[in-house]
């Protein structure tokens, strides 16, 4: 799965990717639901996923420029699939076991 996408536009490179903070922000802002991202999606979901991918590395890029870049980007189907793949991998990482010293790890049990 891709970790990031480098998108070049007008002589500048933009690295699109997600971390937990940007994925959580996107979920709050756009209402992304993991089970809906790979099925039949709405046009706004596609554009919002593209916009959300700018948040981690390029939070100050104006929406008007993001829209311009989106409108001039080819192969949007594959791009969307790559963005969703990155988003889902980040979302899944929330469930991964943390890398901590055993003495500092939190534990739990069902009683």
PDB file of N, CA and C in Angstrom:
ATOM      1  N   UNK A   1       0.833  -1.177   0.000  1.00  0.00           N
ATOM      2  CA  UNK A   1       0.000   0.000   0.000  1.00  0.00           C
ATOM      3  C   UNK A   1       0.881   1.245   0.000  1.00  0.00           C
ATOM      4  N   UNK A   2       0.434   2.270  -0.685  1.00  0.00           N
ATOM      5  CA  UNK A   2       1.247   3.491  -0.726  1.00  0.00           C
ATOM      6  C   UNK A   2       1.266   4.177   0.641  1.00  0.00           C
ATOM      7  N   UNK A   3       2.398   4.743   0.983  1.00  0.00           N
ATOM      8  CA  UNK A   3       2.525   5.516   2.225  1.00  0.00           C
ATOM      9  C   UNK A   3       2.231   6.991   1.974  1.00  0.00           C
ATOM     10  N   UNK A   4       2.576   7.441   0.768  1.00  0.00           N
ATOM     11  CA  UNK A   4       2.298   8.823   0.393  1.00  0.00           C
ATOM     12  C   UNK A   4       2.252   8.915  -1.126  1.00  0.00           C
ATOM     13  N   UNK A   5       1.727  10.025  -1.592  1.00  0.00           N
ATOM     14  CA  UNK A   5       1.637  10.303  -3.022  1.00  0.00           C
ATOM     15  C   UNK A   5       2.313  11.654  -3.235  1.00  0.00           C
ATOM     16  N   UNK A   6       3.209  11.707  -4.186  1.00  0.00           N
ATOM     17  CA  UNK A   6       3.806  12.989  -4.556  1.00  0.00           C
ATOM     18  C   UNK A   6       3.099  13.458  -5.809  1.00  0.00           C
ATOM     19  N   UNK A   7       2.440  14.569  -5.676  1.00  0.00           N
ATOM     20  CA  UNK A   7       1.665  15.148  -6.765  1.00  0.00           C
ATOM     21  C   UNK A   7       2.389  16.419  -7.198  1.00  0.00           C
ATOM     22  N   UNK A   8       2.711  16.515  -8.473  1.00  0.00           N
ATOM     23  CA  UNK A   8       3.408  17.693  -8.994  1.00  0.00           C
ATOM     24  C   UNK A   8       2.428  18.559  -9.756  1.00  0.00           C
ATOM     25  N   UNK A   9       2.470  19.855  -9.460  1.00  0.00           N
ATOM     26  CA  UNK A   9       1.586  20.789 -10.145  1.00  0.00           C
ATOM     27  C   UNK A   9       2.257  22.159 -10.204  1.00  0.00           C
ATOM     28  N   UNK A  10       2.313  22.718 -11.369  1.00  0.00           N
ATOM     29  CA  UNK A  10       2.824  24.070 -11.596  1.00  0.00           C
ATOM     30  C   UNK A  10       4.218  24.257 -10.986  1.00  0.00           C
ATOM     31  N   UNK A  11       5.074  23.240 -11.173  1.00  0.00           N
ATOM     32  CA  UNK A  11       6.452  23.329 -10.717  1.00  0.00           C
ATOM     33  C   UNK A  11       6.666  23.058  -9.238  1.00  0.00           C
ATOM     34  N   UNK A  12       5.640  22.644  -8.528  1.00  0.00           N
ATOM     35  CA  UNK A  12       5.762  22.381  -7.099  1.00  0.00           C
ATOM     36  C   UNK A  12       5.287  20.967  -6.804  1.00  0.00           C
ATOM     37  N   UNK A  13       5.964  20.299  -5.873  1.00  0.00           N
ATOM     38  CA  UNK A  13       5.558  18.968  -5.440  1.00  0.00           C
ATOM     39  C   UNK A  13       4.773  19.064  -4.144  1.00  0.00           C
ATOM     40  N   UNK A  14       3.714  18.280  -4.065  1.00  0.00           N
ATOM     41  CA  UNK A  14       2.879  18.184  -2.871  1.00  0.00           C
ATOM     42  C   UNK A  14       2.882  16.726  -2.430  1.00  0.00           C
ATOM     43  N   UNK A  15       3.266  16.486  -1.180  1.00  0.00           N
ATOM     44  CA  UNK A  15       3.240  15.125  -0.655  1.00  0.00           C
ATOM     45  C   UNK A  15       1.930  14.923   0.091  1.00  0.00           C
ATOM     46  N   UNK A  16       1.095  14.057  -0.465  1.00  0.00           N
ATOM     47  CA  UNK A  16      -0.211  13.777   0.121  1.00  0.00           C
ATOM     48  C   UNK A  16      -0.100  12.519   0.967  1.00  0.00           C
ATOM     49  N   UNK A  17      -0.534  12.613   2.207  1.00  0.00           N
ATOM     50  CA  UNK A  17      -0.520  11.448   3.089  1.00  0.00           C
ATOM     51  C   UNK A  17      -1.381  11.733   4.312  1.00  0.00           C
ATOM     52  N   UNK A  18      -1.548  10.706   5.118  1.00  0.00           N
ATOM     53  CA  UNK A  18      -2.329  10.825   6.347  1.00  0.00           C
ATOM     54  C   UNK A  18      -1.502  10.338   7.527  1.00  0.00           C
ATOM     55  N   UNK A  19      -1.718  10.964   8.660  1.00  0.00           N
ATOM     56  CA  UNK A  19      -1.303  10.415   9.933  1.00  0.00           C
ATOM     57  C   UNK A  19      -2.577  10.352  10.774  1.00  0.00           C
ATOM     58  N   UNK A  20      -2.470   9.859  11.988  1.00  0.00           N
ATOM     59  CA  UNK A  20      -3.686   9.707  12.794  1.00  0.00           C
ATOM     60  C   UNK A  20      -4.418  11.025  12.997  1.00  0.00           C
ATOM     61  N   UNK A  21      -3.683  12.081  13.255  1.00  0.00           N
ATOM     62  CA  UNK A  21      -4.311  13.378  13.501  1.00  0.00           C
ATOM     63  C   UNK A  21      -5.052  13.883  12.261  1.00  0.00           C
ATOM     64  N   UNK A  22      -4.430  13.787  11.092  1.00  0.00           N
ATOM     65  CA  UNK A  22      -5.097  14.283   9.879  1.00  0.00           C
ATOM     66  C   UNK A  22      -6.263  13.385   9.479  1.00  0.00           C
ATOM     67  N   UNK A  23      -6.160  12.082   9.742  1.00  0.00           N
ATOM     68  CA  UNK A  23      -7.267  11.171   9.437  1.00  0.00           C
ATOM     69  C   UNK A  23      -8.454  11.434  10.365  1.00  0.00           C
ATOM     70  N   UNK A  24      -8.172  11.675  11.644  1.00  0.00           N
ATOM     71  CA  UNK A  24      -9.250  11.989  12.593  1.00  0.00           C
ATOM     72  C   UNK A  24      -9.917  13.314  12.235  1.00  0.00           C
ATOM     73  N   UNK A  25      -9.111  14.288  11.854  1.00  0.00           N
ATOM     74  CA  UNK A  25      -9.663  15.586  11.448  1.00  0.00           C
ATOM     75  C   UNK A  25     -10.558  15.422  10.221  1.00  0.00           C
ATOM     76  N   UNK A  26     -10.098  14.629   9.259  1.00  0.00           N
ATOM     77  CA  UNK A  26     -10.897  14.394   8.051  1.00  0.00           C
ATOM     78  C   UNK A  26     -12.209  13.694   8.394  1.00  0.00           C
ATOM     79  N   UNK A  27     -12.147  12.750   9.302  1.00  0.00           N
ATOM     80  CA  UNK A  27     -13.369  12.047   9.703  1.00  0.00           C
ATOM     81  C   UNK A  27     -14.370  13.013  10.330  1.00  0.00           C
ATOM     82  N   UNK A  28     -13.876  13.894  11.202  1.00  0.00           N
ATOM     83  CA  UNK A  28     -14.764  14.881  11.836  1.00  0.00           C
ATOM     84  C   UNK A  28     -15.303  15.878  10.815  1.00  0.00           C
ATOM     85  N   UNK A  29     -14.434  16.372   9.930  1.00  0.00           N
ATOM     86  CA  UNK A  29     -14.844  17.402   8.978  1.00  0.00           C
ATOM     87  C   UNK A  29     -15.783  16.884   7.899  1.00  0.00           C
ATOM     88  N   UNK A  30     -15.485  15.686   7.393  1.00  0.00           N
ATOM     89  CA  UNK A  30     -16.195  15.190   6.223  1.00  0.00           C
ATOM     90  C   UNK A  30     -17.093  13.995   6.503  1.00  0.00           C
ATOM     91  N   UNK A  31     -17.072  13.489   7.721  1.00  0.00           N
ATOM     92  CA  UNK A  31     -17.937  12.370   8.068  1.00  0.00           C
ATOM     93  C   UNK A  31     -17.578  11.073   7.368  1.00  0.00           C
ATOM     94  N   UNK A  32     -16.297  10.867   7.071  1.00  0.00           N
ATOM     95  CA  UNK A  32     -15.891   9.617   6.417  1.00  0.00           C
ATOM     96  C   UNK A  32     -16.292   8.423   7.272  1.00  0.00           C
ATOM     97  N   UNK A  33     -16.834   7.420   6.621  1.00  0.00           N
ATOM     98  CA  UNK A  33     -17.148   6.148   7.261  1.00  0.00           C
ATOM     99  C   UNK A  33     -16.375   5.080   6.496  1.00  0.00           C
ATOM    100  N   UNK A  34     -15.562   4.342   7.219  1.00  0.00           N
ATOM    101  CA  UNK A  34     -14.658   3.381   6.593  1.00  0.00           C
ATOM    102  C   UNK A  34     -15.404   2.436   5.662  1.00  0.00           C
ATOM    103  N   UNK A  35     -16.548   1.945   6.088  1.00  0.00           N
ATOM    104  CA  UNK A  35     -17.280   0.967   5.270  1.00  0.00           C
ATOM    105  C   UNK A  35     -17.874   1.569   4.003  1.00  0.00           C
ATOM    106  N   UNK A  36     -17.924   2.873   3.893  1.00  0.00           N
ATOM    107  CA  UNK A  36     -18.511   3.515   2.717  1.00  0.00           C
ATOM    108  C   UNK A  36     -17.479   3.998   1.704  1.00  0.00           C
ATOM    109  N   UNK A  37     -16.223   4.008   2.072  1.00  0.00           N
ATOM    110  CA  UNK A  37     -15.203   4.604   1.205  1.00  0.00           C
ATOM    111  C   UNK A  37     -14.892   3.787  -0.040  1.00  0.00           C
ATOM    112  N   UNK A  38     -15.107   2.489  -0.005  1.00  0.00           N
ATOM    113  CA  UNK A  38     -14.758   1.648  -1.159  1.00  0.00           C
ATOM    114  C   UNK A  38     -15.973   1.265  -2.000  1.00  0.00           C
ATOM    115  N   UNK A  39     -17.146   1.528  -1.524  1.00  0.00           N
ATOM    116  CA  UNK A  39     -18.343   1.204  -2.294  1.00  0.00           C
ATOM    117  C   UNK A  39     -18.648   2.306  -3.281  1.00  0.00           C
ATOM    118  N   UNK A  40     -19.894   2.474  -3.587  1.00  0.00           N
ATOM    119  CA  UNK A  40     -20.289   3.574  -4.455  1.00  0.00           C
ATOM    120  C   UNK A  40     -20.259   4.843  -3.607  1.00  0.00           C
ATOM    121  N   UNK A  41     -19.453   5.791  -4.027  1.00  0.00           N
ATOM    122  CA  UNK A  41     -19.235   6.993  -3.228  1.00  0.00           C
ATOM    123  C   UNK A  41     -19.819   8.216  -3.917  1.00  0.00           C
ATOM    124  N   UNK A  42     -20.072   9.207  -3.119  1.00  0.00           N
ATOM    125  CA  UNK A  42     -20.588  10.459  -3.657  1.00  0.00           C
ATOM    126  C   UNK A  42     -19.434  11.309  -4.185  1.00  0.00           C
ATOM    127  N   UNK A  43     -19.762  12.194  -5.093  1.00  0.00           N
ATOM    128  CA  UNK A  43     -18.749  13.081  -5.668  1.00  0.00           C
ATOM    129  C   UNK A  43     -18.052  13.877  -4.578  1.00  0.00           C
ATOM    130  N   UNK A  44     -18.803  14.350  -3.606  1.00  0.00           N
ATOM    131  CA  UNK A  44     -18.196  15.150  -2.546  1.00  0.00           C
ATOM    132  C   UNK A  44     -17.194  14.331  -1.739  1.00  0.00           C
ATOM    133  N   UNK A  45     -17.441  13.045  -1.569  1.00  0.00           N
ATOM    134  CA  UNK A  45     -16.498  12.198  -0.830  1.00  0.00           C
ATOM    135  C   UNK A  45     -15.169  12.120  -1.562  1.00  0.00           C
ATOM    136  N   UNK A  46     -15.214  11.988  -2.863  1.00  0.00           N
ATOM    137  CA  UNK A  46     -13.986  11.904  -3.664  1.00  0.00           C
ATOM    138  C   UNK A  46     -13.178  13.195  -3.516  1.00  0.00           C
ATOM    139  N   UNK A  47     -13.832  14.316  -3.687  1.00  0.00           N
ATOM    140  CA  UNK A  47     -13.132  15.600  -3.575  1.00  0.00           C
ATOM    141  C   UNK A  47     -12.660  15.864  -2.152  1.00  0.00           C
ATOM    142  N   UNK A  48     -13.458  15.485  -1.173  1.00  0.00           N
ATOM    143  CA  UNK A  48     -13.067  15.690   0.219  1.00  0.00           C
ATOM    144  C   UNK A  48     -11.876  14.826   0.606  1.00  0.00           C
ATOM    145  N   UNK A  49     -11.802  13.608   0.099  1.00  0.00           N
ATOM    146  CA  UNK A  49     -10.657  12.742   0.381  1.00  0.00           C
ATOM    147  C   UNK A  49      -9.386  13.374  -0.189  1.00  0.00           C
ATOM    148  N   UNK A  50      -9.490  13.930  -1.383  1.00  0.00           N
ATOM    149  CA  UNK A  50      -8.355  14.608  -2.008  1.00  0.00           C
ATOM    150  C   UNK A  50      -7.916  15.793  -1.143  1.00  0.00           C
ATOM    151  N   UNK A  51      -8.865  16.605  -0.730  1.00  0.00           N
ATOM    152  CA  UNK A  51      -8.570  17.768   0.111  1.00  0.00           C
ATOM    153  C   UNK A  51      -7.955  17.334   1.436  1.00  0.00           C
ATOM    154  N   UNK A  52      -8.511  16.300   2.048  1.00  0.00           N
ATOM    155  CA  UNK A  52      -8.033  15.835   3.349  1.00  0.00           C
ATOM    156  C   UNK A  52      -6.583  15.380   3.295  1.00  0.00           C
ATOM    157  N   UNK A  53      -6.152  14.860   2.166  1.00  0.00           N
ATOM    158  CA  UNK A  53      -4.785  14.360   2.036  1.00  0.00           C
ATOM    159  C   UNK A  53      -3.748  15.481   2.068  1.00  0.00           C
ATOM    160  N   UNK A  54      -4.174  16.711   1.882  1.00  0.00           N
ATOM    161  CA  UNK A  54      -3.264  17.856   1.968  1.00  0.00           C
ATOM    162  C   UNK A  54      -3.008  18.286   3.412  1.00  0.00           C
ATOM    163  N   UNK A  55      -3.879  17.917   4.331  1.00  0.00           N
ATOM    164  CA  UNK A  55      -3.866  18.465   5.692  1.00  0.00           C
ATOM    165  C   UNK A  55      -2.575  18.219   6.454  1.00  0.00           C
ATOM    166  N   UNK A  56      -2.000  17.046   6.315  1.00  0.00           N
ATOM    167  CA  UNK A  56      -0.809  16.731   7.119  1.00  0.00           C
ATOM    168  C   UNK A  56       0.390  17.591   6.730  1.00  0.00           C
ATOM    169  N   UNK A  57       0.715  17.660   5.458  1.00  0.00           N
ATOM    170  CA  UNK A  57       1.929  18.339   5.011  1.00  0.00           C
ATOM    171  C   UNK A  57       1.713  19.723   4.425  1.00  0.00           C
ATOM    172  N   UNK A  58       0.490  20.027   4.045  1.00  0.00           N
ATOM    173  CA  UNK A  58       0.220  21.299   3.358  1.00  0.00           C
ATOM    174  C   UNK A  58      -1.068  21.937   3.883  1.00  0.00           C
ATOM    175  N   UNK A  59      -1.160  22.178   5.197  1.00  0.00           N
ATOM    176  CA  UNK A  59      -2.416  22.687   5.761  1.00  0.00           C
ATOM    177  C   UNK A  59      -2.765  24.110   5.337  1.00  0.00           C
ATOM    178  N   UNK A  60      -1.801  24.847   4.849  1.00  0.00           N
ATOM    179  CA  UNK A  60      -2.062  26.242   4.478  1.00  0.00           C
ATOM    180  C   UNK A  60      -2.373  26.439   2.995  1.00  0.00           C
ATOM    181  N   UNK A  61      -2.406  25.351   2.241  1.00  0.00           N
ATOM    182  CA  UNK A  61      -2.752  25.473   0.825  1.00  0.00           C
ATOM    183  C   UNK A  61      -4.233  25.846   0.738  1.00  0.00           C
ATOM    184  N   UNK A  62      -4.555  26.932   0.048  1.00  0.00           N
ATOM    185  CA  UNK A  62      -5.959  27.352  -0.022  1.00  0.00           C
ATOM    186  C   UNK A  62      -6.825  26.349  -0.787  1.00  0.00           C
ATOM    187  N   UNK A  63      -8.074  26.263  -0.374  1.00  0.00           N
ATOM    188  CA  UNK A  63      -9.006  25.334  -1.005  1.00  0.00           C
ATOM    189  C   UNK A  63      -9.128  25.604  -2.504  1.00  0.00           C
ATOM    190  N   UNK A  64      -9.041  26.858  -2.893  1.00  0.00           N
ATOM    191  CA  UNK A  64      -9.149  27.189  -4.319  1.00  0.00           C
ATOM    192  C   UNK A  64      -8.011  26.537  -5.121  1.00  0.00           C
ATOM    193  N   UNK A  65      -6.800  26.500  -4.559  1.00  0.00           N
ATOM    194  CA  UNK A  65      -5.678  25.854  -5.246  1.00  0.00           C
ATOM    195  C   UNK A  65      -5.857  24.336  -5.253  1.00  0.00           C
ATOM    196  N   UNK A  66      -6.318  23.772  -4.138  1.00  0.00           N
ATOM    197  CA  UNK A  66      -6.580  22.329  -4.093  1.00  0.00           C
ATOM    198  C   UNK A  66      -7.610  21.959  -5.152  1.00  0.00           C
ATOM    199  N   UNK A  67      -8.649  22.756  -5.288  1.00  0.00           N
ATOM    200  CA  UNK A  67      -9.668  22.494  -6.318  1.00  0.00           C
ATOM    201  C   UNK A  67      -9.068  22.571  -7.716  1.00  0.00           C
ATOM    202  N   UNK A  68      -8.226  23.562  -7.944  1.00  0.00           N
ATOM    203  CA  UNK A  68      -7.571  23.720  -9.244  1.00  0.00           C
ATOM    204  C   UNK A  68      -6.708  22.498  -9.560  1.00  0.00           C
ATOM    205  N   UNK A  69      -5.928  22.059  -8.574  1.00  0.00           N
ATOM    206  CA  UNK A  69      -5.074  20.888  -8.764  1.00  0.00           C
ATOM    207  C   UNK A  69      -5.939  19.664  -9.045  1.00  0.00           C
ATOM    208  N   UNK A  70      -7.000  19.482  -8.274  1.00  0.00           N
ATOM    209  CA  UNK A  70      -7.894  18.335  -8.473  1.00  0.00           C
ATOM    210  C   UNK A  70      -8.467  18.339  -9.895  1.00  0.00           C
ATOM    211  N   UNK A  71      -8.932  19.480 -10.336  1.00  0.00           N
ATOM    212  CA  UNK A  71      -9.553  19.576 -11.662  1.00  0.00           C
ATOM    213  C   UNK A  71      -8.574  19.275 -12.786  1.00  0.00           C
ATOM    214  N   UNK A  72      -7.285  19.449 -12.540  1.00  0.00           N
ATOM    215  CA  UNK A  72      -6.277  19.221 -13.579  1.00  0.00           C
ATOM    216  C   UNK A  72      -5.513  17.907 -13.397  1.00  0.00           C
ATOM    217  N   UNK A  73      -5.959  17.101 -12.456  1.00  0.00           N
ATOM    218  CA  UNK A  73      -5.307  15.820 -12.199  1.00  0.00           C
ATOM    219  C   UNK A  73      -5.967  14.733 -13.030  1.00  0.00           C
ATOM    220  N   UNK A  74      -5.144  13.906 -13.658  1.00  0.00           N
ATOM    221  CA  UNK A  74      -5.676  12.801 -14.459  1.00  0.00           C
ATOM    222  C   UNK A  74      -5.745  11.529 -13.626  1.00  0.00           C
ATOM    223  N   UNK A  75      -6.416  10.534 -14.157  1.00  0.00           N
ATOM    224  CA  UNK A  75      -6.525   9.206 -13.544  1.00  0.00           C
ATOM    225  C   UNK A  75      -7.061   9.283 -12.115  1.00  0.00           C
ATOM    226  N   UNK A  76      -8.175   9.983 -11.958  1.00  0.00           N
ATOM    227  CA  UNK A  76      -8.748  10.222 -10.642  1.00  0.00           C
ATOM    228  C   UNK A  76      -9.234   8.941  -9.965  1.00  0.00           C
ATOM    229  N   UNK A  77      -9.640   7.944 -10.731  1.00  0.00           N
ATOM    230  CA  UNK A  77     -10.100   6.690 -10.126  1.00  0.00           C
ATOM    231  C   UNK A  77      -8.957   6.036  -9.356  1.00  0.00           C
ATOM    232  N   UNK A  78      -7.806   5.884 -10.001  1.00  0.00           N
ATOM    233  CA  UNK A  78      -6.662   5.273  -9.322  1.00  0.00           C
ATOM    234  C   UNK A  78      -6.148   6.152  -8.190  1.00  0.00           C
ATOM    235  N   UNK A  79      -6.189   7.461  -8.388  1.00  0.00           N
ATOM    236  CA  UNK A  79      -5.768   8.376  -7.336  1.00  0.00           C
ATOM    237  C   UNK A  79      -6.670   8.213  -6.113  1.00  0.00           C
ATOM    238  N   UNK A  80      -7.967   8.183  -6.314  1.00  0.00           N
ATOM    239  CA  UNK A  80      -8.906   8.005  -5.203  1.00  0.00           C
ATOM    240  C   UNK A  80      -8.651   6.685  -4.484  1.00  0.00           C
ATOM    241  N   UNK A  81      -8.445   5.632  -5.237  1.00  0.00           N
ATOM    242  CA  UNK A  81      -8.194   4.328  -4.616  1.00  0.00           C
ATOM    243  C   UNK A  81      -6.912   4.361  -3.778  1.00  0.00           C
ATOM    244  N   UNK A  82      -5.884   5.038  -4.263  1.00  0.00           N
ATOM    245  CA  UNK A  82      -4.636   5.150  -3.504  1.00  0.00           C
ATOM    246  C   UNK A  82      -4.848   5.977  -2.233  1.00  0.00           C
ATOM    247  N   UNK A  83      -5.602   7.071  -2.338  1.00  0.00           N
ATOM    248  CA  UNK A  83      -5.888   7.903  -1.168  1.00  0.00           C
ATOM    249  C   UNK A  83      -6.673   7.122  -0.121  1.00  0.00           C
ATOM    250  N   UNK A  84      -7.681   6.388  -0.561  1.00  0.00           N
ATOM    251  CA  UNK A  84      -8.482   5.588   0.367  1.00  0.00           C
ATOM    252  C   UNK A  84      -7.623   4.520   1.024  1.00  0.00           C
ATOM    253  N   UNK A  85      -6.772   3.899   0.260  1.00  0.00           N
ATOM    254  CA  UNK A  85      -5.882   2.881   0.796  1.00  0.00           C
ATOM    255  C   UNK A  85      -4.997   3.472   1.904  1.00  0.00           C
ATOM    256  N   UNK A  86      -4.446   4.648   1.669  1.00  0.00           N
ATOM    257  CA  UNK A  86      -3.615   5.307   2.676  1.00  0.00           C
ATOM    258  C   UNK A  86      -4.438   5.674   3.906  1.00  0.00           C
ATOM    259  N   UNK A  87      -5.632   6.188   3.686  1.00  0.00           N
ATOM    260  CA  UNK A  87      -6.514   6.570   4.793  1.00  0.00           C
ATOM    261  C   UNK A  87      -6.887   5.352   5.629  1.00  0.00           C
ATOM    262  N   UNK A  88      -7.262   4.259   4.967  1.00  0.00           N
ATOM    263  CA  UNK A  88      -7.659   3.057   5.682  1.00  0.00           C
ATOM    264  C   UNK A  88      -6.499   2.454   6.463  1.00  0.00           C
ATOM    265  N   UNK A  89      -5.313   2.484   5.898  1.00  0.00           N
ATOM    266  CA  UNK A  89      -4.142   1.976   6.611  1.00  0.00           C
ATOM    267  C   UNK A  89      -3.893   2.793   7.876  1.00  0.00           C
ATOM    268  N   UNK A  90      -4.047   4.100   7.762  1.00  0.00           N
ATOM    269  CA  UNK A  90      -3.882   4.965   8.928  1.00  0.00           C
ATOM    270  C   UNK A  90      -4.966   4.685   9.959  1.00  0.00           C
ATOM    271  N   UNK A  91      -6.202   4.543   9.513  1.00  0.00           N
ATOM    272  CA  UNK A  91      -7.304   4.245  10.439  1.00  0.00           C
ATOM    273  C   UNK A  91      -7.066   2.913  11.144  1.00  0.00           C
ATOM    274  N   UNK A  92      -6.588   1.934  10.418  1.00  0.00           N
ATOM    275  CA  UNK A  92      -6.314   0.624  11.000  1.00  0.00           C
ATOM    276  C   UNK A  92      -5.216   0.710  12.051  1.00  0.00           C
ATOM    277  N   UNK A  93      -4.285   1.630  11.881  1.00  0.00           N
ATOM    278  CA  UNK A  93      -3.164   1.742  12.819  1.00  0.00           C
ATOM    279  C   UNK A  93      -3.629   2.112  14.227  1.00  0.00           C
ATOM    280  N   UNK A  94      -4.819   2.660  14.348  1.00  0.00           N
ATOM    281  CA  UNK A  94      -5.367   2.982  15.665  1.00  0.00           C
ATOM    282  C   UNK A  94      -5.530   1.716  16.500  1.00  0.00           C
ATOM    283  N   UNK A  95      -5.745   0.589  15.841  1.00  0.00           N
ATOM    284  CA  UNK A  95      -5.934  -0.678  16.534  1.00  0.00           C
ATOM    285  C   UNK A  95      -4.646  -1.461  16.743  1.00  0.00           C
ATOM    286  N   UNK A  96      -3.548  -1.000  16.168  1.00  0.00           N
ATOM    287  CA  UNK A  96      -2.267  -1.690  16.321  1.00  0.00           C
ATOM    288  C   UNK A  96      -1.785  -1.608  17.764  1.00  0.00           C
ATOM    289  N   UNK A  97      -1.079  -2.630  18.188  1.00  0.00           N
ATOM    290  CA  UNK A  97      -0.473  -2.605  19.513  1.00  0.00           C
ATOM    291  C   UNK A  97       0.644  -1.576  19.535  1.00  0.00           C
ATOM    292  N   UNK A  98       0.737  -0.822  20.609  1.00  0.00           N
ATOM    293  CA  UNK A  98       1.777   0.200  20.697  1.00  0.00           C
ATOM    294  C   UNK A  98       3.143  -0.425  20.931  1.00  0.00           C
ATOM    295  N   UNK A  99       4.178   0.306  20.549  1.00  0.00           N
ATOM    296  CA  UNK A  99       5.549  -0.115  20.817  1.00  0.00           C
ATOM    297  C   UNK A  99       6.004   0.605  22.082  1.00  0.00           C
ATOM    298  N   UNK A 100       5.859  -0.080  23.223  1.00  0.00           N
ATOM    299  CA  UNK A 100       6.246   0.503  24.509  1.00  0.00           C
ATOM    300  C   UNK A 100       7.031  -0.531  25.307  1.00  0.00           C
ATOM    301  N   UNK A 101       7.762  -0.038  26.277  1.00  0.00           N
ATOM    302  CA  UNK A 101       8.445  -0.949  27.196  1.00  0.00           C
ATOM    303  C   UNK A 101       7.398  -1.773  27.925  1.00  0.00           C
ATOM    304  N   UNK A 102       7.684  -3.045  28.143  1.00  0.00           N
ATOM    305  CA  UNK A 102       6.694  -3.920  28.784  1.00  0.00           C
ATOM    306  C   UNK A 102       6.264  -3.398  30.144  1.00  0.00           C
ATOM    307  N   UNK A 103       7.146  -2.780  30.878  1.00  0.00           N
ATOM    308  CA  UNK A 103       6.792  -2.250  32.185  1.00  0.00           C
ATOM    309  C   UNK A 103       5.868  -1.053  32.115  1.00  0.00           C
ATOM    310  N   UNK A 104       5.789  -0.411  30.964  1.00  0.00           N
ATOM    311  CA  UNK A 104       4.955   0.784  30.782  1.00  0.00           C
ATOM    312  C   UNK A 104       3.676   0.497  30.013  1.00  0.00           C
ATOM    313  N   UNK A 105       3.501  -0.717  29.532  1.00  0.00           N
ATOM    314  CA  UNK A 105       2.333  -1.057  28.717  1.00  0.00           C
ATOM    315  C   UNK A 105       1.082  -1.128  29.601  1.00  0.00           C
ATOM    316  N   UNK A 106      -0.009  -0.638  29.081  1.00  0.00           N
ATOM    317  CA  UNK A 106      -1.303  -0.770  29.756  1.00  0.00           C
ATOM    318  C   UNK A 106      -1.848  -2.148  29.463  1.00  0.00           C
ATOM    319  N   UNK A 107      -2.521  -2.730  30.432  1.00  0.00           N
ATOM    320  CA  UNK A 107      -3.118  -4.042  30.215  1.00  0.00           C
ATOM    321  C   UNK A 107      -4.581  -3.989  30.602  1.00  0.00           C
ATOM    322  N   UNK A 108      -5.331  -4.967  30.151  1.00  0.00           N
ATOM    323  CA  UNK A 108      -6.756  -5.007  30.469  1.00  0.00           C
ATOM    324  C   UNK A 108      -7.202  -6.464  30.542  1.00  0.00           C
ATOM    325  N   UNK A 109      -8.356  -6.686  31.174  1.00  0.00           N
ATOM    326  CA  UNK A 109      -8.916  -8.034  31.244  1.00  0.00           C
ATOM    327  C   UNK A 109     -10.424  -7.927  31.392  1.00  0.00           C
ATOM    328  N   UNK A 110     -11.106  -8.919  30.933  1.00  0.00           N
ATOM    329  CA  UNK A 110     -12.548  -9.008  31.067  1.00  0.00           C
ATOM    330  C   UNK A 110     -12.841  -9.684  32.405  1.00  0.00           C
ATOM    331  N   UNK A 111     -13.719  -9.105  33.194  1.00  0.00           N
ATOM    332  CA  UNK A 111     -14.051  -9.710  34.491  1.00  0.00           C
ATOM    333  C   UNK A 111     -15.534 -10.011  34.593  1.00  0.00           C
TER     334      UNK A 111
END
